[in-house]
């Protein structure tokens, strides 16, 4: 077991294998496999929740841990965070945001409420779809921020793209402010998505 846990890739592979075994067990107990809409919806929901946890977890890591603690880190140690940790975290943040939105849209399509949610259930008046729709639009806006505002500014702030020092400082502040916007929106977004499960 220590050999598995000493390697991240082995840990993840073992976790996926364990998940697959649980998947087989639960579907067997449910009467077997039927590759219907419920099956694909369940699979898509699992992917959606998994990547959403990574996205919001990394967002909160930046805003609750990295940014507030950077001033406390000695200058000689900051390059390790700026050159290695931050770019890696931003890679997973970007792609987790992308796959959260993609899987959420597919999930809504499979479950038949995509149009209703995207129009905030104006015609049907179904509260559940209004709540999901608000959460979806907040998520889309947050993902837009990640890809088109935070990431381009972080590339300049971290020195991935060469620029003058005043532009670098301005980009760092812009990235931080839009990351804070996403943190501000993340709690209402999570509230609407979770609350929708208990609405009709």
N, C-alpha and C. Protein backbone atom coordinates (compact mmCIF):
# COMPACT_ATOMS: atom_id res chain seq x y z
N UNK A 1 0.82 -1.20 0.00
CA UNK A 1 0.00 0.00 0.00
C UNK A 1 0.86 1.26 0.00
N UNK A 2 1.99 1.23 0.73
CA UNK A 2 2.89 2.38 0.77
C UNK A 2 3.45 2.67 -0.61
N UNK A 3 3.67 1.61 -1.40
CA UNK A 3 4.19 1.79 -2.76
C UNK A 3 3.18 2.55 -3.62
N UNK A 4 1.89 2.26 -3.42
CA UNK A 4 0.84 2.96 -4.16
C UNK A 4 0.77 4.42 -3.72
N UNK A 5 0.79 4.64 -2.41
CA UNK A 5 0.64 5.99 -1.87
C UNK A 5 1.85 6.88 -2.09
N UNK A 6 3.01 6.29 -2.38
CA UNK A 6 4.21 7.09 -2.60
C UNK A 6 4.23 7.73 -3.98
N UNK A 7 3.32 7.33 -4.86
CA UNK A 7 3.24 7.88 -6.22
C UNK A 7 1.84 8.43 -6.46
N UNK A 8 1.75 9.69 -6.89
CA UNK A 8 0.44 10.28 -7.15
C UNK A 8 -0.28 9.54 -8.27
N UNK A 9 0.43 9.21 -9.35
CA UNK A 9 -0.23 8.53 -10.47
C UNK A 9 -0.76 7.16 -10.04
N UNK A 10 0.01 6.42 -9.23
CA UNK A 10 -0.45 5.12 -8.74
C UNK A 10 -1.64 5.29 -7.80
N UNK A 11 -1.61 6.32 -6.98
CA UNK A 11 -2.72 6.60 -6.07
C UNK A 11 -4.00 6.88 -6.85
N UNK A 12 -3.88 7.73 -7.88
CA UNK A 12 -5.05 8.07 -8.71
C UNK A 12 -5.55 6.84 -9.46
N UNK A 13 -4.64 6.06 -10.03
CA UNK A 13 -5.04 4.84 -10.75
C UNK A 13 -5.76 3.86 -9.83
N UNK A 14 -5.25 3.70 -8.61
CA UNK A 14 -5.88 2.81 -7.64
C UNK A 14 -7.26 3.34 -7.25
N UNK A 15 -7.36 4.65 -7.09
CA UNK A 15 -8.64 5.27 -6.75
C UNK A 15 -9.66 5.06 -7.87
N UNK A 16 -9.22 5.19 -9.12
CA UNK A 16 -10.12 4.96 -10.26
C UNK A 16 -10.55 3.50 -10.31
N UNK A 17 -9.61 2.58 -10.06
CA UNK A 17 -9.94 1.15 -10.05
C UNK A 17 -10.95 0.84 -8.95
N UNK A 18 -10.76 1.41 -7.77
CA UNK A 18 -11.68 1.20 -6.66
C UNK A 18 -13.06 1.77 -6.99
N UNK A 19 -13.08 2.94 -7.62
CA UNK A 19 -14.34 3.55 -8.04
C UNK A 19 -15.06 2.67 -9.05
N UNK A 20 -14.29 2.10 -9.99
CA UNK A 20 -14.88 1.22 -11.00
C UNK A 20 -15.49 -0.03 -10.36
N UNK A 21 -14.82 -0.58 -9.36
CA UNK A 21 -15.36 -1.76 -8.66
C UNK A 21 -16.66 -1.40 -7.93
N UNK A 22 -16.68 -0.24 -7.28
CA UNK A 22 -17.91 0.21 -6.62
C UNK A 22 -19.02 0.46 -7.64
N UNK A 23 -18.64 0.99 -8.77
CA UNK A 23 -19.58 1.22 -9.87
C UNK A 23 -20.23 -0.10 -10.29
N UNK A 24 -19.41 -1.14 -10.51
CA UNK A 24 -19.92 -2.45 -10.90
C UNK A 24 -20.83 -3.02 -9.82
N UNK A 25 -20.40 -2.92 -8.57
CA UNK A 25 -21.18 -3.45 -7.45
C UNK A 25 -22.55 -2.78 -7.35
N UNK A 26 -22.56 -1.44 -7.40
CA UNK A 26 -23.81 -0.70 -7.24
C UNK A 26 -24.78 -0.95 -8.39
N UNK A 27 -24.24 -1.02 -9.61
CA UNK A 27 -25.13 -1.28 -10.73
C UNK A 27 -25.62 -2.73 -10.73
N UNK A 28 -24.78 -3.65 -10.23
CA UNK A 28 -25.20 -5.04 -10.10
C UNK A 28 -26.33 -5.15 -9.08
N UNK A 29 -26.18 -4.45 -7.94
CA UNK A 29 -27.21 -4.47 -6.91
C UNK A 29 -28.49 -3.79 -7.39
N UNK A 30 -28.35 -2.90 -8.36
CA UNK A 30 -29.51 -2.18 -8.90
C UNK A 30 -30.21 -2.97 -10.01
N UNK A 31 -29.76 -4.17 -10.28
CA UNK A 31 -30.41 -5.01 -11.28
C UNK A 31 -29.67 -5.14 -12.59
N UNK A 32 -28.44 -4.65 -12.63
CA UNK A 32 -27.64 -4.81 -13.84
C UNK A 32 -27.50 -3.52 -14.63
N UNK A 33 -26.83 -3.65 -15.77
CA UNK A 33 -26.53 -2.49 -16.60
C UNK A 33 -27.61 -2.24 -17.63
N UNK A 34 -28.04 -1.02 -17.68
CA UNK A 34 -28.90 -0.55 -18.76
C UNK A 34 -28.28 0.77 -19.20
N UNK A 35 -27.71 0.79 -20.39
CA UNK A 35 -27.03 1.99 -20.86
C UNK A 35 -28.06 2.99 -21.39
N UNK A 36 -28.86 3.49 -20.45
CA UNK A 36 -29.92 4.43 -20.79
C UNK A 36 -29.53 5.84 -20.37
N UNK A 37 -30.46 6.75 -20.45
CA UNK A 37 -30.19 8.15 -20.09
C UNK A 37 -29.80 8.27 -18.63
N UNK A 38 -30.42 7.46 -17.76
CA UNK A 38 -30.09 7.51 -16.34
C UNK A 38 -28.63 7.12 -16.11
N UNK A 39 -28.16 6.10 -16.81
CA UNK A 39 -26.77 5.66 -16.68
C UNK A 39 -25.82 6.78 -17.09
N UNK A 40 -26.02 7.36 -18.28
CA UNK A 40 -25.12 8.41 -18.78
C UNK A 40 -25.23 9.67 -17.94
N UNK A 41 -26.42 9.96 -17.47
CA UNK A 41 -26.62 11.12 -16.60
C UNK A 41 -25.86 10.95 -15.29
N UNK A 42 -25.93 9.74 -14.73
CA UNK A 42 -25.21 9.46 -13.47
C UNK A 42 -23.71 9.59 -13.66
N UNK A 43 -23.21 9.03 -14.76
CA UNK A 43 -21.78 9.11 -15.06
C UNK A 43 -21.35 10.56 -15.26
N UNK A 44 -22.13 11.31 -16.00
CA UNK A 44 -21.82 12.72 -16.27
C UNK A 44 -21.89 13.53 -14.98
N UNK A 45 -22.84 13.23 -14.13
CA UNK A 45 -22.97 13.93 -12.85
C UNK A 45 -21.74 13.68 -11.98
N UNK A 46 -21.24 12.46 -11.98
CA UNK A 46 -20.03 12.12 -11.23
C UNK A 46 -18.84 12.94 -11.73
N UNK A 47 -18.67 13.01 -13.04
CA UNK A 47 -17.57 13.80 -13.63
C UNK A 47 -17.75 15.27 -13.27
N UNK A 48 -18.98 15.75 -13.40
CA UNK A 48 -19.27 17.16 -13.13
C UNK A 48 -18.91 17.54 -11.69
N UNK A 49 -19.33 16.74 -10.74
CA UNK A 49 -19.05 17.02 -9.34
C UNK A 49 -17.55 16.92 -9.06
N UNK A 50 -16.88 15.93 -9.63
CA UNK A 50 -15.44 15.73 -9.40
C UNK A 50 -14.62 16.92 -9.88
N UNK A 51 -14.86 17.36 -11.12
CA UNK A 51 -14.06 18.47 -11.64
C UNK A 51 -14.46 19.79 -10.97
N UNK A 52 -15.72 19.91 -10.56
CA UNK A 52 -16.16 21.13 -9.86
C UNK A 52 -15.47 21.24 -8.50
N UNK A 53 -15.29 20.11 -7.82
CA UNK A 53 -14.57 20.12 -6.53
C UNK A 53 -13.14 20.60 -6.75
N UNK A 54 -12.50 20.11 -7.82
CA UNK A 54 -11.13 20.55 -8.10
C UNK A 54 -11.10 22.04 -8.40
N UNK A 55 -12.05 22.51 -9.23
CA UNK A 55 -12.08 23.92 -9.61
C UNK A 55 -12.24 24.83 -8.40
N UNK A 56 -13.30 24.60 -7.62
CA UNK A 56 -13.57 25.49 -6.49
C UNK A 56 -12.50 25.31 -5.41
N UNK A 57 -12.01 24.09 -5.25
CA UNK A 57 -10.93 23.85 -4.29
C UNK A 57 -9.69 24.66 -4.62
N UNK A 58 -9.30 24.69 -5.90
CA UNK A 58 -8.13 25.47 -6.31
C UNK A 58 -8.40 26.97 -6.21
N UNK A 59 -9.61 27.39 -6.58
CA UNK A 59 -9.97 28.80 -6.43
C UNK A 59 -9.81 29.24 -4.98
N UNK A 60 -10.35 28.43 -4.07
CA UNK A 60 -10.26 28.77 -2.66
C UNK A 60 -8.83 28.64 -2.14
N UNK A 61 -8.05 27.71 -2.70
CA UNK A 61 -6.63 27.61 -2.32
C UNK A 61 -5.93 28.94 -2.61
N UNK A 62 -6.14 29.48 -3.82
CA UNK A 62 -5.50 30.74 -4.17
C UNK A 62 -5.95 31.87 -3.24
N UNK A 63 -7.26 32.00 -3.03
CA UNK A 63 -7.77 33.16 -2.29
C UNK A 63 -7.68 33.03 -0.78
N UNK A 64 -7.71 31.80 -0.26
CA UNK A 64 -7.63 31.64 1.19
C UNK A 64 -6.22 31.34 1.69
N UNK A 65 -5.37 30.79 0.81
CA UNK A 65 -4.05 30.34 1.28
C UNK A 65 -2.90 31.06 0.58
N UNK A 66 -2.81 30.92 -0.75
CA UNK A 66 -1.61 31.43 -1.43
C UNK A 66 -1.52 32.95 -1.38
N UNK A 67 -2.54 33.65 -1.86
CA UNK A 67 -2.47 35.12 -1.94
C UNK A 67 -2.28 35.77 -0.57
N UNK A 68 -3.05 35.39 0.48
CA UNK A 68 -2.85 36.05 1.78
C UNK A 68 -1.49 35.77 2.41
N UNK A 69 -0.89 34.62 2.06
CA UNK A 69 0.37 34.24 2.71
C UNK A 69 1.61 34.61 1.92
N UNK A 70 1.46 35.07 0.68
CA UNK A 70 2.64 35.45 -0.12
C UNK A 70 3.49 36.53 0.56
N UNK A 71 2.89 37.56 1.19
CA UNK A 71 3.74 38.57 1.84
C UNK A 71 4.58 38.00 2.99
N UNK A 72 4.17 36.88 3.57
CA UNK A 72 4.90 36.29 4.70
C UNK A 72 6.07 35.42 4.24
N UNK A 73 6.11 35.09 2.95
CA UNK A 73 7.14 34.21 2.42
C UNK A 73 8.39 35.02 2.09
N UNK A 74 9.57 34.57 2.52
CA UNK A 74 10.81 35.30 2.20
C UNK A 74 10.99 35.41 0.68
N UNK A 75 11.54 36.53 0.25
CA UNK A 75 11.70 36.81 -1.18
C UNK A 75 12.45 35.72 -1.93
N UNK A 76 13.45 35.12 -1.29
CA UNK A 76 14.23 34.08 -1.97
C UNK A 76 13.43 32.79 -2.21
N UNK A 77 12.31 32.63 -1.47
CA UNK A 77 11.49 31.43 -1.64
C UNK A 77 10.30 31.65 -2.58
N UNK A 78 9.96 32.90 -2.88
CA UNK A 78 8.81 33.21 -3.72
C UNK A 78 8.91 32.64 -5.14
N UNK A 79 10.10 32.61 -5.76
CA UNK A 79 10.17 32.05 -7.13
C UNK A 79 9.67 30.61 -7.23
N UNK A 80 9.82 29.83 -6.16
CA UNK A 80 9.34 28.44 -6.19
C UNK A 80 7.82 28.40 -6.37
N UNK A 81 7.15 29.33 -5.70
CA UNK A 81 5.70 29.38 -5.82
C UNK A 81 5.29 29.99 -7.16
N UNK A 82 5.94 31.08 -7.54
CA UNK A 82 5.58 31.78 -8.77
C UNK A 82 5.94 31.00 -10.03
N UNK A 83 7.02 30.25 -9.97
CA UNK A 83 7.49 29.54 -11.18
C UNK A 83 7.04 28.10 -11.29
N UNK A 84 6.69 27.49 -10.16
CA UNK A 84 6.35 26.05 -10.19
C UNK A 84 4.92 25.80 -9.70
N UNK A 85 4.62 26.20 -8.47
CA UNK A 85 3.33 25.86 -7.87
C UNK A 85 2.17 26.59 -8.54
N UNK A 86 2.28 27.91 -8.69
CA UNK A 86 1.17 28.69 -9.26
C UNK A 86 0.84 28.27 -10.69
N UNK A 87 1.83 28.12 -11.59
CA UNK A 87 1.47 27.68 -12.95
C UNK A 87 0.80 26.31 -12.98
N UNK A 88 1.27 25.39 -12.14
CA UNK A 88 0.64 24.05 -12.09
C UNK A 88 -0.79 24.15 -11.58
N UNK A 89 -1.00 24.92 -10.52
CA UNK A 89 -2.34 25.09 -9.96
C UNK A 89 -3.27 25.77 -10.97
N UNK A 90 -2.74 26.75 -11.70
CA UNK A 90 -3.55 27.45 -12.70
C UNK A 90 -3.91 26.55 -13.88
N UNK A 91 -3.03 25.61 -14.21
CA UNK A 91 -3.34 24.64 -15.27
C UNK A 91 -4.57 23.82 -14.88
N UNK A 92 -4.56 23.27 -13.67
CA UNK A 92 -5.69 22.46 -13.21
C UNK A 92 -6.94 23.32 -12.98
N UNK A 93 -6.75 24.55 -12.52
CA UNK A 93 -7.88 25.46 -12.32
C UNK A 93 -8.59 25.71 -13.64
N UNK A 94 -7.83 26.03 -14.69
CA UNK A 94 -8.42 26.33 -16.01
C UNK A 94 -9.20 25.16 -16.56
N UNK A 95 -8.56 23.99 -16.56
CA UNK A 95 -9.20 22.83 -17.19
C UNK A 95 -10.32 22.26 -16.34
N UNK A 96 -10.22 22.39 -15.02
CA UNK A 96 -11.33 21.98 -14.16
C UNK A 96 -12.53 22.88 -14.41
N UNK A 97 -12.30 24.18 -14.60
CA UNK A 97 -13.39 25.10 -14.92
C UNK A 97 -14.04 24.72 -16.25
N UNK A 98 -13.21 24.45 -17.25
CA UNK A 98 -13.73 24.08 -18.57
C UNK A 98 -14.59 22.82 -18.50
N UNK A 99 -14.07 21.78 -17.86
CA UNK A 99 -14.80 20.51 -17.81
C UNK A 99 -16.00 20.56 -16.87
N UNK A 100 -15.97 21.45 -15.88
CA UNK A 100 -17.16 21.64 -15.04
C UNK A 100 -18.31 22.19 -15.88
N UNK A 101 -18.01 23.22 -16.67
CA UNK A 101 -19.05 23.81 -17.51
C UNK A 101 -19.52 22.83 -18.58
N UNK A 102 -18.58 22.18 -19.25
CA UNK A 102 -18.94 21.22 -20.31
C UNK A 102 -19.80 20.09 -19.77
N UNK A 103 -19.36 19.47 -18.67
CA UNK A 103 -20.13 18.35 -18.11
C UNK A 103 -21.47 18.81 -17.56
N UNK A 104 -21.53 20.04 -17.03
CA UNK A 104 -22.80 20.57 -16.53
C UNK A 104 -23.81 20.79 -17.66
N UNK A 105 -23.33 21.30 -18.79
CA UNK A 105 -24.21 21.49 -19.94
C UNK A 105 -24.70 20.15 -20.50
N UNK A 106 -23.79 19.17 -20.57
CA UNK A 106 -24.17 17.83 -21.05
C UNK A 106 -25.18 17.20 -20.10
N UNK A 107 -24.94 17.36 -18.80
CA UNK A 107 -25.85 16.81 -17.79
C UNK A 107 -27.24 17.42 -17.93
N UNK A 108 -27.30 18.74 -18.10
CA UNK A 108 -28.59 19.41 -18.27
C UNK A 108 -29.29 18.95 -19.55
N UNK A 109 -28.51 18.74 -20.60
CA UNK A 109 -29.08 18.25 -21.86
C UNK A 109 -29.63 16.84 -21.70
N UNK A 110 -28.86 15.96 -21.06
CA UNK A 110 -29.30 14.57 -20.85
C UNK A 110 -30.57 14.50 -20.00
N UNK A 111 -30.67 15.40 -19.03
CA UNK A 111 -31.82 15.39 -18.13
C UNK A 111 -32.99 16.22 -18.64
N UNK A 112 -32.81 16.85 -19.80
CA UNK A 112 -33.91 17.53 -20.46
C UNK A 112 -34.27 18.91 -19.95
N UNK A 113 -33.36 19.55 -19.20
CA UNK A 113 -33.71 20.87 -18.69
C UNK A 113 -32.72 21.96 -19.13
N UNK A 114 -31.90 21.69 -20.13
CA UNK A 114 -30.89 22.65 -20.55
C UNK A 114 -31.51 23.99 -20.96
N UNK A 115 -32.46 23.95 -21.87
CA UNK A 115 -33.07 25.20 -22.34
C UNK A 115 -33.81 25.91 -21.21
N UNK A 116 -34.53 25.15 -20.41
CA UNK A 116 -35.28 25.73 -19.30
C UNK A 116 -34.35 26.41 -18.30
N UNK A 117 -33.23 25.74 -17.99
CA UNK A 117 -32.28 26.32 -17.04
C UNK A 117 -31.58 27.55 -17.61
N UNK A 118 -31.17 27.48 -18.88
CA UNK A 118 -30.45 28.60 -19.48
C UNK A 118 -31.34 29.83 -19.65
N UNK A 119 -32.65 29.62 -19.74
CA UNK A 119 -33.58 30.76 -19.81
C UNK A 119 -34.15 31.07 -18.43
N UNK A 120 -33.56 30.49 -17.39
CA UNK A 120 -33.97 30.69 -15.99
C UNK A 120 -35.42 30.32 -15.75
N UNK A 121 -35.92 29.38 -16.54
CA UNK A 121 -37.27 28.83 -16.38
C UNK A 121 -38.35 29.90 -16.47
N UNK A 122 -38.11 30.89 -17.33
CA UNK A 122 -39.06 32.00 -17.47
C UNK A 122 -40.43 31.51 -17.92
N UNK A 123 -40.47 30.60 -18.89
CA UNK A 123 -41.76 30.12 -19.41
C UNK A 123 -42.40 29.09 -18.50
N UNK A 124 -41.61 28.14 -18.01
CA UNK A 124 -42.20 27.04 -17.24
C UNK A 124 -42.43 27.38 -15.77
N UNK A 125 -41.61 28.28 -15.22
CA UNK A 125 -41.77 28.66 -13.82
C UNK A 125 -41.38 27.58 -12.84
N UNK A 126 -40.53 26.65 -13.27
CA UNK A 126 -40.08 25.57 -12.37
C UNK A 126 -38.91 26.08 -11.53
N UNK A 127 -39.12 26.17 -10.21
CA UNK A 127 -38.12 26.76 -9.31
C UNK A 127 -36.79 26.02 -9.38
N UNK A 128 -36.85 24.70 -9.49
CA UNK A 128 -35.63 23.90 -9.56
C UNK A 128 -34.79 24.32 -10.75
N UNK A 129 -35.42 24.51 -11.90
CA UNK A 129 -34.67 24.88 -13.10
C UNK A 129 -34.18 26.33 -13.03
N UNK A 130 -34.93 27.18 -12.35
CA UNK A 130 -34.47 28.56 -12.15
C UNK A 130 -33.19 28.56 -11.31
N UNK A 131 -33.20 27.78 -10.22
CA UNK A 131 -32.03 27.71 -9.34
C UNK A 131 -30.83 27.14 -10.08
N UNK A 132 -31.04 26.03 -10.80
CA UNK A 132 -29.94 25.44 -11.57
C UNK A 132 -29.44 26.43 -12.62
N UNK A 133 -30.37 27.12 -13.28
CA UNK A 133 -30.00 28.09 -14.30
C UNK A 133 -29.14 29.22 -13.75
N UNK A 134 -29.53 29.74 -12.58
CA UNK A 134 -28.72 30.79 -11.94
C UNK A 134 -27.32 30.26 -11.66
N UNK A 135 -27.25 29.05 -11.11
CA UNK A 135 -25.94 28.45 -10.83
C UNK A 135 -25.13 28.24 -12.10
N UNK A 136 -25.79 27.80 -13.17
CA UNK A 136 -25.10 27.58 -14.44
C UNK A 136 -24.54 28.89 -15.00
N UNK A 137 -25.35 29.94 -14.98
CA UNK A 137 -24.88 31.23 -15.51
C UNK A 137 -23.75 31.80 -14.67
N UNK A 138 -23.84 31.64 -13.35
CA UNK A 138 -22.73 32.07 -12.49
C UNK A 138 -21.46 31.29 -12.82
N UNK A 139 -21.61 29.97 -13.03
CA UNK A 139 -20.47 29.13 -13.39
C UNK A 139 -19.86 29.52 -14.72
N UNK A 140 -20.71 29.80 -15.71
CA UNK A 140 -20.22 30.22 -17.03
C UNK A 140 -19.44 31.53 -16.90
N UNK A 141 -19.98 32.48 -16.14
CA UNK A 141 -19.30 33.76 -15.95
C UNK A 141 -17.96 33.55 -15.25
N UNK A 142 -17.94 32.69 -14.23
CA UNK A 142 -16.70 32.40 -13.51
C UNK A 142 -15.67 31.73 -14.42
N UNK A 143 -16.11 30.80 -15.25
CA UNK A 143 -15.19 30.12 -16.16
C UNK A 143 -14.64 31.11 -17.20
N UNK A 144 -15.50 32.02 -17.66
CA UNK A 144 -15.05 33.07 -18.58
C UNK A 144 -13.94 33.89 -17.91
N UNK A 145 -14.14 34.26 -16.65
CA UNK A 145 -13.12 35.00 -15.91
C UNK A 145 -11.81 34.23 -15.86
N UNK A 146 -11.89 32.93 -15.58
CA UNK A 146 -10.68 32.11 -15.48
C UNK A 146 -9.90 32.12 -16.78
N UNK A 147 -10.58 31.85 -17.89
CA UNK A 147 -9.89 31.67 -19.17
C UNK A 147 -9.50 32.98 -19.84
N UNK A 148 -10.33 34.00 -19.72
CA UNK A 148 -10.12 35.20 -20.53
C UNK A 148 -9.67 36.43 -19.76
N UNK A 149 -9.67 36.36 -18.42
CA UNK A 149 -9.18 37.50 -17.63
C UNK A 149 -8.07 37.05 -16.67
N UNK A 150 -8.37 36.07 -15.82
CA UNK A 150 -7.39 35.65 -14.82
C UNK A 150 -6.15 35.04 -15.46
N UNK A 151 -6.33 34.07 -16.35
CA UNK A 151 -5.18 33.39 -16.94
C UNK A 151 -4.30 34.32 -17.78
N UNK A 152 -4.84 35.13 -18.69
CA UNK A 152 -3.97 36.05 -19.43
C UNK A 152 -3.20 37.01 -18.52
N UNK A 153 -3.85 37.49 -17.46
CA UNK A 153 -3.16 38.39 -16.53
C UNK A 153 -2.14 37.64 -15.68
N UNK A 154 -2.45 36.41 -15.30
CA UNK A 154 -1.49 35.62 -14.53
C UNK A 154 -0.25 35.29 -15.36
N UNK A 155 -0.41 35.09 -16.65
CA UNK A 155 0.76 34.83 -17.50
C UNK A 155 1.73 36.00 -17.46
N UNK A 156 1.21 37.22 -17.44
CA UNK A 156 2.08 38.39 -17.33
C UNK A 156 2.62 38.52 -15.91
N UNK A 157 1.76 38.31 -14.90
CA UNK A 157 2.18 38.46 -13.50
C UNK A 157 3.26 37.46 -13.11
N UNK A 158 3.17 36.24 -13.63
CA UNK A 158 4.13 35.19 -13.28
C UNK A 158 5.37 35.20 -14.17
N UNK A 159 5.38 36.07 -15.19
CA UNK A 159 6.54 36.14 -16.07
C UNK A 159 6.55 35.10 -17.17
N UNK A 160 5.43 34.42 -17.37
CA UNK A 160 5.33 33.46 -18.47
C UNK A 160 5.39 34.21 -19.79
N UNK A 161 4.81 35.42 -19.79
CA UNK A 161 4.90 36.35 -20.91
C UNK A 161 5.70 37.55 -20.43
N UNK A 162 6.73 37.92 -21.18
CA UNK A 162 7.54 39.09 -20.81
C UNK A 162 6.75 40.37 -20.98
N UNK A 163 6.88 41.24 -19.99
CA UNK A 163 6.25 42.56 -20.06
C UNK A 163 6.96 43.50 -19.10
N UNK A 164 6.65 44.77 -19.21
CA UNK A 164 7.25 45.76 -18.32
C UNK A 164 6.72 45.60 -16.89
N UNK A 165 7.49 46.07 -15.92
CA UNK A 165 7.16 45.86 -14.51
C UNK A 165 5.81 46.48 -14.14
N UNK A 166 5.49 47.67 -14.67
CA UNK A 166 4.21 48.29 -14.31
C UNK A 166 3.02 47.48 -14.85
N UNK A 167 3.19 46.88 -16.03
CA UNK A 167 2.14 46.02 -16.59
C UNK A 167 2.02 44.74 -15.76
N UNK A 168 3.17 44.22 -15.34
CA UNK A 168 3.18 43.00 -14.51
C UNK A 168 2.43 43.24 -13.20
N UNK A 169 2.69 44.37 -12.56
CA UNK A 169 2.04 44.70 -11.29
C UNK A 169 0.53 44.90 -11.49
N UNK A 170 0.17 45.60 -12.57
CA UNK A 170 -1.25 45.81 -12.87
C UNK A 170 -1.95 44.48 -13.17
N UNK A 171 -1.28 43.61 -13.91
CA UNK A 171 -1.85 42.29 -14.25
C UNK A 171 -2.04 41.43 -13.01
N UNK A 172 -1.07 41.51 -12.09
CA UNK A 172 -1.17 40.75 -10.84
C UNK A 172 -2.40 41.19 -10.05
N UNK A 173 -2.62 42.50 -9.98
CA UNK A 173 -3.79 43.02 -9.24
C UNK A 173 -5.09 42.64 -9.94
N UNK A 174 -5.11 42.74 -11.27
CA UNK A 174 -6.32 42.38 -12.03
C UNK A 174 -6.67 40.92 -11.82
N UNK A 175 -5.66 40.04 -11.91
CA UNK A 175 -5.89 38.60 -11.70
C UNK A 175 -6.42 38.34 -10.30
N UNK A 176 -5.85 39.02 -9.31
CA UNK A 176 -6.29 38.82 -7.93
C UNK A 176 -7.73 39.29 -7.74
N UNK A 177 -8.07 40.45 -8.31
CA UNK A 177 -9.43 40.98 -8.15
C UNK A 177 -10.47 40.09 -8.82
N UNK A 178 -10.16 39.57 -10.00
CA UNK A 178 -11.13 38.71 -10.68
C UNK A 178 -11.20 37.33 -10.04
N UNK A 179 -10.11 36.90 -9.42
CA UNK A 179 -10.15 35.67 -8.63
C UNK A 179 -11.07 35.87 -7.43
N UNK A 180 -11.01 37.06 -6.83
CA UNK A 180 -11.90 37.39 -5.71
C UNK A 180 -13.35 37.47 -6.18
N UNK A 181 -13.56 37.98 -7.38
CA UNK A 181 -14.93 38.00 -7.93
C UNK A 181 -15.45 36.56 -8.01
N UNK A 182 -14.60 35.64 -8.48
CA UNK A 182 -15.02 34.25 -8.57
C UNK A 182 -15.29 33.64 -7.20
N UNK A 183 -14.47 34.00 -6.21
CA UNK A 183 -14.71 33.51 -4.85
C UNK A 183 -16.03 34.07 -4.34
N UNK A 184 -16.30 35.34 -4.60
CA UNK A 184 -17.56 35.96 -4.20
C UNK A 184 -18.75 35.22 -4.81
N UNK A 185 -18.62 34.87 -6.10
CA UNK A 185 -19.73 34.20 -6.80
C UNK A 185 -19.82 32.71 -6.50
N UNK A 186 -18.72 32.12 -6.01
CA UNK A 186 -18.70 30.66 -5.82
C UNK A 186 -19.70 30.19 -4.77
N UNK A 187 -19.89 30.96 -3.72
CA UNK A 187 -20.81 30.52 -2.66
C UNK A 187 -22.26 30.60 -3.12
N UNK A 188 -22.71 31.73 -3.74
CA UNK A 188 -24.07 31.71 -4.30
C UNK A 188 -24.25 30.66 -5.38
N UNK A 189 -23.22 30.43 -6.18
CA UNK A 189 -23.32 29.41 -7.24
C UNK A 189 -23.54 28.03 -6.62
N UNK A 190 -22.74 27.70 -5.62
CA UNK A 190 -22.89 26.40 -4.95
C UNK A 190 -24.25 26.30 -4.27
N UNK A 191 -24.69 27.40 -3.65
CA UNK A 191 -25.99 27.40 -2.97
C UNK A 191 -27.12 27.09 -3.95
N UNK A 192 -27.13 27.74 -5.11
CA UNK A 192 -28.23 27.53 -6.05
C UNK A 192 -28.22 26.11 -6.60
N UNK A 193 -27.04 25.58 -6.91
CA UNK A 193 -26.96 24.21 -7.45
C UNK A 193 -27.38 23.19 -6.41
N UNK A 194 -26.91 23.35 -5.18
CA UNK A 194 -27.27 22.40 -4.12
C UNK A 194 -28.74 22.53 -3.74
N UNK A 195 -29.24 23.76 -3.60
CA UNK A 195 -30.64 23.98 -3.24
C UNK A 195 -31.59 23.44 -4.29
N UNK A 196 -31.17 23.50 -5.56
CA UNK A 196 -32.03 23.01 -6.65
C UNK A 196 -32.41 21.55 -6.46
N UNK A 197 -31.55 20.79 -5.79
CA UNK A 197 -31.83 19.36 -5.59
C UNK A 197 -33.07 19.14 -4.71
N UNK A 198 -33.41 20.17 -3.91
CA UNK A 198 -34.55 20.03 -2.99
C UNK A 198 -35.78 20.82 -3.44
N UNK A 199 -35.71 21.38 -4.67
CA UNK A 199 -36.84 22.15 -5.18
C UNK A 199 -37.60 21.34 -6.23
N UNK A 200 -38.78 21.82 -6.59
CA UNK A 200 -39.61 21.13 -7.57
C UNK A 200 -39.88 22.06 -8.75
